[in-house]
Amino acid sequence: MGELQRRDLMIGGGALVGMSLLQSRAFAQSGRGTVIPWSDQPPPVPPPAAGIIRSQTAWENLDSWITPNDKFFAIGHYDWPQIDPKDWRLDISGLVESPANLTLDQLKSLPRQEVTSTIECSGNNGLPFLTSAVGNARWTGTSLAAVLKAARVKPAALEVVFFGTDKGEEVLRKDTPLELKVTENFARSMSLEDAMNPAMLLCYEMNGAPLPHANGFPVRLIAPGWYGIANVKWLNRIELRRTRYMGRFMGRDYVTVRENQIGKRTLVTETSVGRGLLKSAPARVVTYDGRYRIEGMAWGPQPIAAVEVRIDNSPWMKAILDDTHRSEAAWRFWHLDWSASPGEHSITTRAIDDTGEKQPAMDDPSIANKRTFWESNGQLTRHLRIA
């Protein structure tokens, strides 16, 4: 079993011991002093997106390692289905020898497993009003791999598709003679190899309570290390296939488009959003006893080794990483004490993982050549004024 499973997955009823401690404020100085507001506050969520984005909490208020359920962001792409848990079923079908139709009680009777995992929307920081669509929670459920093994996957199966109960109308080839309207359920897929990762959960609890409605009640997929779009909510069907699934949220939307210059040619590449990327963010600046402290978070597919902070045009300075709470799939808190002078200031951060990879600058080709707002993991700069 890998490091993630050894350190973060727990079986049995004793797993929630210490939950209240984990939910306590994690920043070293949280609860003391005064938060200095950023001068570049994001605009309100515009009406077209207001029905899609819920519970986006300002960075300044994301001050605990475990994000409380009422502060955790939620995204809904179609409707927000109300599901009676007594009627809910999870259908396991396709290329399996033993299809199943599990009730919620049957799913909960399987061995419990937990993982602490950070989920970030892949559109976070790609749109001006979407700046803190990220949170960290302790998720409880049962092993997806164990359920798939019990279904006896056939050798021909290569792809696993996860379908949600939420659905909506899609128009294909719009305004052409071949226009087609279909009602489509939300769905995402991954390879069978990825789905068999022991960390993947069929999740029914969030921070010790049943999943909130907006976060996928009664059951959702938790895919540690993947962007939020892969963590399918309101899950009710899993299908094993031999070919790649290419529905809207795999092949038409949540697709990152980049233009790369190859000699005199411009080559366009399109890739489906999947695993998360290395990232950090300055969350808040606190003043107390005449001193100043910059606090923030960092996360990514590999463990965080360092976070560096640049104030205005100064050299990069190494922040202090918090060792109070550690989990391979979760964000890591950090802080930097600052001798601030009056006036306008900019604060930029970059994360470095244990492989030496650095969070890219905004002018890095991986960011600058992007033509879509997905996977925006460039270095974030915030602005504030010290009186």
Protein backbone atom coordinates (compact mmCIF):
# COMPACT_ATOMS: atom_id res chain seq x y z
CA MET A 1 0.00 0.00 0.00
CA GLY A 2 1.39 3.43 -0.95
CA GLU A 3 2.18 6.36 1.30
CA LEU A 4 -1.22 7.94 0.68
CA GLN A 5 -3.04 4.84 1.86
CA ARG A 6 -0.78 4.27 4.86
CA ARG A 7 -1.11 7.81 6.13
CA ASP A 8 -4.57 8.93 5.10
CA LEU A 9 -6.96 5.98 4.78
CA MET A 10 -8.60 4.62 7.91
CA ILE A 11 -11.06 1.78 8.35
CA GLY A 12 -13.69 1.47 11.05
CA GLY A 13 -15.71 3.57 13.46
CA GLY A 14 -12.75 5.18 15.24
CA ALA A 15 -11.79 7.23 12.19
CA LEU A 16 -13.64 10.37 13.29
CA VAL A 17 -11.71 10.74 16.54
CA GLY A 18 -10.12 14.18 16.60
CA MET A 19 -12.44 15.67 13.95
CA SER A 20 -13.10 18.75 16.08
CA LEU A 21 -9.34 19.32 16.31
CA LEU A 22 -8.93 19.03 12.54
CA GLN A 23 -11.66 21.62 12.04
CA SER A 24 -9.95 24.13 14.34
CA ARG A 25 -8.32 27.11 12.74
CA ALA A 26 -5.08 26.10 11.11
CA PHE A 27 -3.31 29.40 10.45
CA ALA A 28 -0.77 30.09 13.15
CA GLN A 29 -2.26 33.50 13.98
CA SER A 30 -5.91 32.90 13.03
CA GLY A 31 -8.20 34.27 15.69
CA ARG A 32 -5.68 36.99 16.58
CA GLY A 33 -5.31 40.45 15.13
CA THR A 34 -7.05 41.92 12.12
CA VAL A 35 -7.34 40.71 8.54
CA ILE A 36 -6.33 43.39 6.03
CA PRO A 37 -8.75 43.16 3.09
CA TRP A 38 -7.38 42.66 -0.40
CA SER A 39 -7.89 45.68 -2.61
CA ASP A 40 -8.54 43.46 -5.65
CA GLN A 41 -11.71 41.75 -4.43
CA PRO A 42 -13.38 39.62 -7.12
CA PRO A 43 -16.61 40.85 -8.71
CA PRO A 44 -19.90 39.16 -7.79
CA VAL A 45 -20.86 36.00 -9.62
CA PRO A 46 -22.88 37.22 -12.64
CA PRO A 47 -26.51 36.03 -13.02
CA PRO A 48 -25.81 33.48 -15.79
CA ALA A 49 -23.37 31.66 -13.49
CA ALA A 50 -25.22 32.20 -10.21
CA GLY A 51 -27.26 29.03 -10.69
CA ILE A 52 -24.10 27.02 -11.33
CA ILE A 53 -21.81 28.22 -8.51
CA ARG A 54 -22.82 27.95 -4.86
CA SER A 55 -21.12 28.56 -1.51
CA GLN A 56 -17.96 30.17 -2.83
CA THR A 57 -16.26 31.40 0.35
CA ALA A 58 -13.80 34.30 0.18
CA TRP A 59 -10.15 33.33 0.55
CA GLU A 60 -9.91 35.38 3.74
CA ASN A 61 -12.49 33.13 5.37
CA LEU A 62 -10.95 29.79 4.34
CA ASP A 63 -8.85 29.68 7.49
CA SER A 64 -9.17 26.06 8.63
CA TRP A 65 -7.35 23.01 7.31
CA ILE A 66 -10.66 21.14 7.12
CA THR A 67 -13.17 23.31 5.27
CA PRO A 68 -16.56 23.24 7.05
CA ASN A 69 -19.39 21.87 4.95
CA ASP A 70 -21.21 25.22 4.84
CA LYS A 71 -18.10 26.93 3.44
CA PHE A 72 -17.31 24.32 0.80
CA PHE A 73 -17.91 25.44 -2.79
CA ALA A 74 -20.35 23.58 -5.03
CA ILE A 75 -20.79 23.50 -8.80
CA GLY A 76 -23.92 22.19 -10.55
CA HIS A 77 -23.85 21.81 -14.33
CA TYR A 78 -27.47 20.76 -14.89
CA ASP A 79 -30.20 20.58 -12.26
CA TRP A 80 -29.57 20.07 -8.52
CA PRO A 81 -31.45 16.78 -8.02
CA GLN A 82 -33.30 16.04 -4.79
CA ILE A 83 -32.85 12.32 -4.15
CA ASP A 84 -34.75 10.20 -1.62
CA PRO A 85 -32.07 7.94 -0.10
CA LYS A 86 -34.61 5.12 0.27
CA ASP A 87 -35.10 5.09 -3.52
CA TRP A 88 -31.45 5.60 -4.49
CA ARG A 89 -29.61 2.79 -6.25
CA LEU A 90 -26.08 2.46 -7.64
CA ASP A 91 -26.09 0.45 -10.85
CA ILE A 92 -22.85 -1.34 -11.77
CA SER A 93 -23.13 -2.51 -15.38
CA GLY A 94 -21.41 -2.93 -18.72
CA LEU A 95 -18.40 -5.21 -19.09
CA VAL A 96 -18.75 -6.98 -15.74
CA GLU A 97 -19.50 -10.61 -14.93
CA SER A 98 -21.63 -9.75 -11.89
CA PRO A 99 -23.77 -6.63 -12.44
CA ALA A 100 -25.05 -5.05 -9.23
CA ASN A 101 -27.76 -2.66 -8.09
CA LEU A 102 -26.77 -1.46 -4.62
CA THR A 103 -28.98 0.31 -2.10
CA LEU A 104 -27.49 2.97 0.17
CA ASP A 105 -27.66 0.59 3.14
CA GLN A 106 -25.81 -2.07 1.16
CA LEU A 107 -23.11 0.40 0.20
CA LYS A 108 -22.74 1.55 3.81
CA SER A 109 -22.46 -2.06 4.99
CA LEU A 110 -19.17 -2.40 3.10
CA PRO A 111 -15.88 -1.57 4.89
CA ARG A 112 -15.56 2.15 5.64
CA GLN A 113 -12.62 4.08 4.28
CA GLU A 114 -11.58 7.69 4.66
CA VAL A 115 -9.31 10.13 2.88
CA THR A 116 -8.58 13.80 3.49
CA SER A 117 -8.51 15.38 0.06
CA THR A 118 -8.49 18.87 -1.43
CA ILE A 119 -10.87 19.49 -4.32
CA GLU A 120 -10.42 22.45 -6.67
CA CYS A 121 -12.68 23.47 -9.52
CA SER A 122 -10.64 23.40 -12.73
CA GLY A 123 -12.07 26.84 -13.60
CA ASN A 124 -10.77 28.36 -10.36
CA ASN A 125 -8.88 31.62 -11.09
CA GLY A 126 -9.66 31.23 -14.77
CA LEU A 127 -12.64 33.56 -14.44
CA PRO A 128 -12.54 36.89 -12.58
CA PHE A 129 -15.41 35.96 -10.23
CA LEU A 130 -14.23 32.40 -9.54
CA THR A 131 -11.24 32.84 -7.24
CA SER A 132 -11.70 30.53 -4.23
CA ALA A 133 -13.46 27.45 -5.59
CA VAL A 134 -11.34 25.06 -3.53
CA GLY A 135 -11.70 23.27 -0.23
CA ASN A 136 -10.34 20.43 1.86
CA ALA A 137 -12.50 17.82 3.57
CA ARG A 138 -12.43 14.41 5.18
CA TRP A 139 -14.44 12.10 2.94
CA THR A 140 -15.89 8.78 4.09
CA GLY A 141 -17.25 5.94 1.98
CA THR A 142 -16.19 2.60 0.60
CA SER A 143 -13.48 1.58 -1.83
CA LEU A 144 -14.41 1.94 -5.49
CA ALA A 145 -11.79 -0.69 -6.36
CA ALA A 146 -13.40 -3.21 -4.00
CA VAL A 147 -16.82 -2.66 -5.58
CA LEU A 148 -15.39 -3.08 -9.08
CA LYS A 149 -13.54 -6.25 -8.06
CA ALA A 150 -16.77 -7.67 -6.64
CA ALA A 151 -18.44 -6.98 -10.00
CA ARG A 152 -15.71 -9.05 -11.73
CA VAL A 153 -14.63 -6.71 -14.50
CA LYS A 154 -14.22 -8.42 -17.86
CA PRO A 155 -10.78 -8.37 -19.56
CA ALA A 156 -12.09 -6.24 -22.45
CA ALA A 157 -12.99 -3.32 -20.14
CA LEU A 158 -10.69 -0.31 -20.45
CA GLU A 159 -12.80 2.66 -19.35
CA VAL A 160 -15.04 3.38 -16.34
CA VAL A 161 -17.87 5.90 -16.77
CA PHE A 162 -19.52 7.58 -13.78
CA PHE A 163 -23.03 8.93 -14.32
CA GLY A 164 -24.78 11.44 -12.09
CA THR A 165 -28.50 11.80 -11.55
CA ASP A 166 -28.35 15.43 -12.74
CA LYS A 167 -29.28 15.93 -16.37
CA GLY A 168 -30.07 18.58 -18.95
CA GLU A 169 -30.70 19.24 -22.62
CA GLU A 170 -27.77 19.38 -25.01
CA VAL A 171 -27.86 20.67 -28.58
CA LEU A 172 -25.33 19.06 -30.91
CA ARG A 173 -24.29 20.65 -34.23
CA LYS A 174 -26.38 23.69 -33.38
CA ASP A 175 -27.75 25.78 -36.26
CA THR A 176 -26.87 23.17 -38.87
CA PRO A 177 -29.06 20.75 -40.86
CA LEU A 178 -27.71 18.02 -38.55
CA GLU A 179 -28.78 19.72 -35.30
CA LEU A 180 -29.71 17.19 -32.63
CA LYS A 181 -31.24 17.77 -29.19
CA VAL A 182 -30.69 15.16 -26.50
CA THR A 183 -31.25 14.90 -22.75
CA GLU A 184 -27.91 13.96 -21.23
CA ASN A 185 -26.90 12.96 -17.72
CA PHE A 186 -23.76 14.43 -16.28
CA ALA A 187 -20.95 11.90 -16.78
CA ARG A 188 -17.20 11.65 -16.55
CA SER A 189 -14.84 8.75 -17.18
CA MET A 190 -11.35 7.53 -16.41
CA SER A 191 -9.26 4.52 -17.31
CA LEU A 192 -9.84 1.29 -15.44
CA GLU A 193 -6.29 1.56 -14.11
CA ASP A 194 -7.05 4.97 -12.58
CA ALA A 195 -10.38 3.79 -11.17
CA MET A 196 -8.65 0.89 -9.39
CA ASN A 197 -6.49 3.28 -7.34
CA PRO A 198 -7.14 2.32 -3.69
CA ALA A 199 -7.70 5.98 -2.77
CA MET A 200 -10.84 6.30 -4.94
CA LEU A 201 -14.01 6.39 -2.84
CA LEU A 202 -17.73 5.93 -3.29
CA CYS A 203 -18.39 8.63 -0.72
CA TYR A 204 -21.47 9.18 1.46
CA GLU A 205 -20.10 11.35 4.30
CA MET A 206 -18.30 14.69 4.39
CA ASN A 207 -16.54 15.78 7.58
CA GLY A 208 -18.44 13.24 9.66
CA ALA A 209 -21.92 14.12 8.36
CA PRO A 210 -24.01 12.90 5.42
CA LEU A 211 -23.02 14.57 2.17
CA PRO A 212 -24.74 17.95 1.82
CA HIS A 213 -27.23 18.13 -1.01
CA ALA A 214 -25.10 20.58 -3.01
CA ASN A 215 -22.04 18.35 -2.63
CA GLY A 216 -23.63 15.21 -4.05
CA PHE A 217 -26.01 13.59 -1.56
CA PRO A 218 -26.43 10.69 -1.13
CA VAL A 219 -23.28 9.37 -2.92
CA ARG A 220 -20.51 10.88 -4.98
CA LEU A 221 -17.14 9.84 -6.34
CA ILE A 222 -14.06 11.15 -4.57
CA ALA A 223 -10.98 11.04 -6.81
CA PRO A 224 -8.04 12.39 -4.76
CA GLY A 225 -5.62 14.41 -6.85
CA TRP A 226 -8.12 15.11 -9.65
CA TYR A 227 -9.92 18.35 -10.43
CA GLY A 228 -13.44 18.69 -9.07
CA ILE A 229 -15.09 17.87 -12.39
CA ALA A 230 -13.91 14.24 -12.05
CA ASN A 231 -15.47 13.86 -8.58
CA VAL A 232 -18.95 13.06 -9.92
CA LYS A 233 -21.83 14.10 -7.63
CA TRP A 234 -25.27 12.48 -7.21
CA LEU A 235 -23.72 9.28 -8.55
CA ASN A 236 -26.16 6.54 -9.58
CA ARG A 237 -24.49 4.50 -12.33
CA ILE A 238 -21.05 3.09 -13.11
CA GLU A 239 -20.51 1.51 -16.51
CA LEU A 240 -17.48 -0.44 -17.72
CA ARG A 241 -16.65 0.04 -21.42
CA ARG A 242 -13.99 -0.96 -23.92
CA THR A 243 -13.90 2.50 -25.58
CA ARG A 244 -13.37 6.04 -24.35
CA TYR A 245 -16.46 7.94 -23.23
CA MET A 246 -16.72 11.30 -25.03
CA GLY A 247 -19.78 13.06 -23.60
CA ARG A 248 -19.99 16.82 -23.13
CA PHE A 249 -17.83 16.99 -20.01
CA MET A 250 -15.08 14.81 -21.46
CA GLY A 251 -14.87 15.70 -25.14
CA ARG A 252 -16.70 19.00 -25.72
CA ASP A 253 -16.47 20.93 -22.44
CA TYR A 254 -13.79 20.95 -19.75
CA VAL A 255 -11.31 20.70 -22.59
CA THR A 256 -8.15 22.81 -22.40
CA VAL A 257 -7.18 24.35 -25.75
CA ARG A 258 -3.63 25.55 -26.31
CA GLU A 259 -1.87 27.10 -29.30
CA ASN A 260 1.77 26.15 -29.65
CA GLN A 261 4.14 27.62 -32.20
CA ILE A 262 6.03 24.86 -34.03
CA GLY A 263 8.42 26.63 -36.39
CA LYS A 264 6.19 28.82 -38.57
CA ARG A 265 3.10 26.76 -37.81
CA THR A 266 0.59 27.18 -35.01
CA LEU A 267 -0.46 23.81 -33.66
CA VAL A 268 -3.68 23.60 -31.62
CA THR A 269 -3.93 20.88 -28.97
CA GLU A 270 -7.01 19.90 -26.98
CA THR A 271 -6.79 17.90 -23.75
CA SER A 272 -9.52 16.81 -21.38
CA VAL A 273 -9.27 18.22 -17.86
CA GLY A 274 -8.24 15.47 -15.45
CA ARG A 275 -5.69 15.44 -12.66
CA GLY A 276 -5.02 18.57 -10.61
CA LEU A 277 -1.96 20.78 -11.06
CA LEU A 278 0.58 22.34 -8.71
CA LYS A 279 -0.73 25.56 -7.19
CA SER A 280 -0.55 27.98 -4.28
CA ALA A 281 -2.46 31.07 -3.24
CA PRO A 282 -2.01 33.95 -0.78
CA ALA A 283 -5.15 33.71 1.34
CA ARG A 284 -4.90 36.63 3.74
CA VAL A 285 -2.67 39.16 5.48
CA VAL A 286 -3.09 39.52 9.22
CA THR A 287 -1.76 42.31 11.45
CA TYR A 288 -1.31 41.74 15.18
CA ASP A 289 0.86 43.43 17.83
CA GLY A 290 2.19 45.78 15.17
CA ARG A 291 3.42 42.90 13.00
CA TYR A 292 2.20 41.44 9.71
CA ARG A 293 1.89 37.88 8.52
CA ILE A 294 1.02 36.51 5.05
CA GLU A 295 -0.88 33.21 5.17
CA GLY A 296 -1.94 30.84 2.42
CA MET A 297 -2.28 27.32 1.04
CA ALA A 298 -0.51 25.12 -1.52
CA TRP A 299 -1.57 21.86 -3.11
CA GLY A 300 -0.88 19.59 -6.06
CA PRO A 301 -0.55 16.02 -7.32
CA GLN A 302 2.82 15.64 -5.57
CA PRO A 303 3.70 16.55 -1.95
CA ILE A 304 4.51 20.22 -1.39
CA ALA A 305 8.21 20.77 -0.61
CA ALA A 306 8.28 24.58 -0.42
CA VAL A 307 6.32 27.76 -1.00
CA GLU A 308 8.01 31.01 -2.01
CA VAL A 309 6.59 34.51 -1.70
CA ARG A 310 7.51 37.65 -3.61
CA ILE A 311 6.43 41.03 -2.27
CA ASP A 312 6.35 43.76 -4.92
CA ASN A 313 9.58 43.27 -6.91
CA SER A 314 11.65 41.79 -4.11
CA PRO A 315 13.50 38.47 -4.41
CA TRP A 316 11.55 35.29 -3.66
CA MET A 317 11.40 34.45 0.06
CA LYS A 318 10.74 30.98 1.48
CA ALA A 319 7.58 30.65 3.56
CA ILE A 320 7.24 28.41 6.61
CA LEU A 321 5.18 25.27 5.92
CA ASP A 322 2.72 24.17 8.58
CA ASP A 323 3.46 20.69 9.93
CA THR A 324 0.45 20.50 12.25
CA HIS A 325 -1.74 18.85 9.61
CA ARG A 326 -0.29 16.64 6.89
CA SER A 327 -2.05 14.54 4.27
CA GLU A 328 -0.68 13.65 0.86
CA ALA A 329 -3.92 14.47 -0.98
CA ALA A 330 -4.66 17.66 0.99
CA TRP A 331 -3.50 21.24 0.79
CA ARG A 332 -0.68 22.48 2.98
CA PHE A 333 -0.86 25.72 4.93
CA TRP A 334 2.05 28.16 5.07
CA HIS A 335 2.91 31.61 6.43
CA LEU A 336 5.55 34.33 6.11
CA ASP A 337 6.18 37.12 8.61
CA TRP A 338 6.46 40.48 6.88
CA SER A 339 7.90 43.86 7.92
CA ALA A 340 5.37 45.86 5.92
CA SER A 341 5.73 49.52 5.05
CA PRO A 342 2.77 51.83 4.36
CA GLY A 343 1.50 51.97 0.80
CA GLU A 344 0.28 49.71 -2.00
CA HIS A 345 1.79 46.23 -2.24
CA SER A 346 1.51 43.12 -4.41
CA ILE A 347 1.99 39.59 -3.09
CA THR A 348 2.79 36.67 -5.41
CA THR A 349 3.30 33.04 -4.43
CA ARG A 350 4.64 29.92 -6.09
CA ALA A 351 4.65 26.32 -4.87
CA ILE A 352 7.44 23.78 -5.40
CA ASP A 353 6.76 20.06 -5.10
CA ASP A 354 9.09 17.29 -4.00
CA THR A 355 10.10 16.54 -7.60
CA GLY A 356 11.41 20.11 -8.00
CA GLU A 357 8.55 21.26 -10.23
CA LYS A 358 7.63 24.93 -9.75
CA GLN A 359 4.25 26.54 -10.15
CA PRO A 360 4.46 28.38 -13.50
CA ALA A 361 4.44 32.14 -13.94
CA MET A 362 1.55 33.70 -15.83
CA ASP A 363 3.81 34.24 -18.87
CA ASP A 364 4.92 30.59 -18.95
CA PRO A 365 3.84 28.97 -22.25
CA SER A 366 1.72 26.41 -20.37
CA ILE A 367 -0.43 29.32 -19.19
CA ALA A 368 0.11 32.05 -21.77
CA ASN A 369 -0.68 29.77 -24.73
CA LYS A 370 -3.93 28.58 -23.18
CA ARG A 371 -7.12 29.72 -24.93
CA THR A 372 -9.55 28.37 -22.33
CA PHE A 373 -9.88 29.20 -18.65
CA TRP A 374 -9.58 25.62 -17.35
CA GLU A 375 -6.50 24.46 -15.39
CA SER A 376 -5.38 27.97 -14.44
CA ASN A 377 -2.52 27.17 -12.09
CA GLY A 378 -0.31 30.18 -12.84
CA GLN A 379 1.26 32.14 -9.99
CA LEU A 380 -1.38 34.23 -8.21
CA THR A 381 -0.80 37.88 -7.31
CA ARG A 382 -2.98 39.76 -4.82
CA HIS A 383 -2.91 43.46 -3.95
CA LEU A 384 -3.52 45.34 -0.74
CA ARG A 385 -2.82 48.66 0.95
CA ILE A 386 -1.01 49.07 4.26
CA ALA A 387 -2.17 52.22 6.05
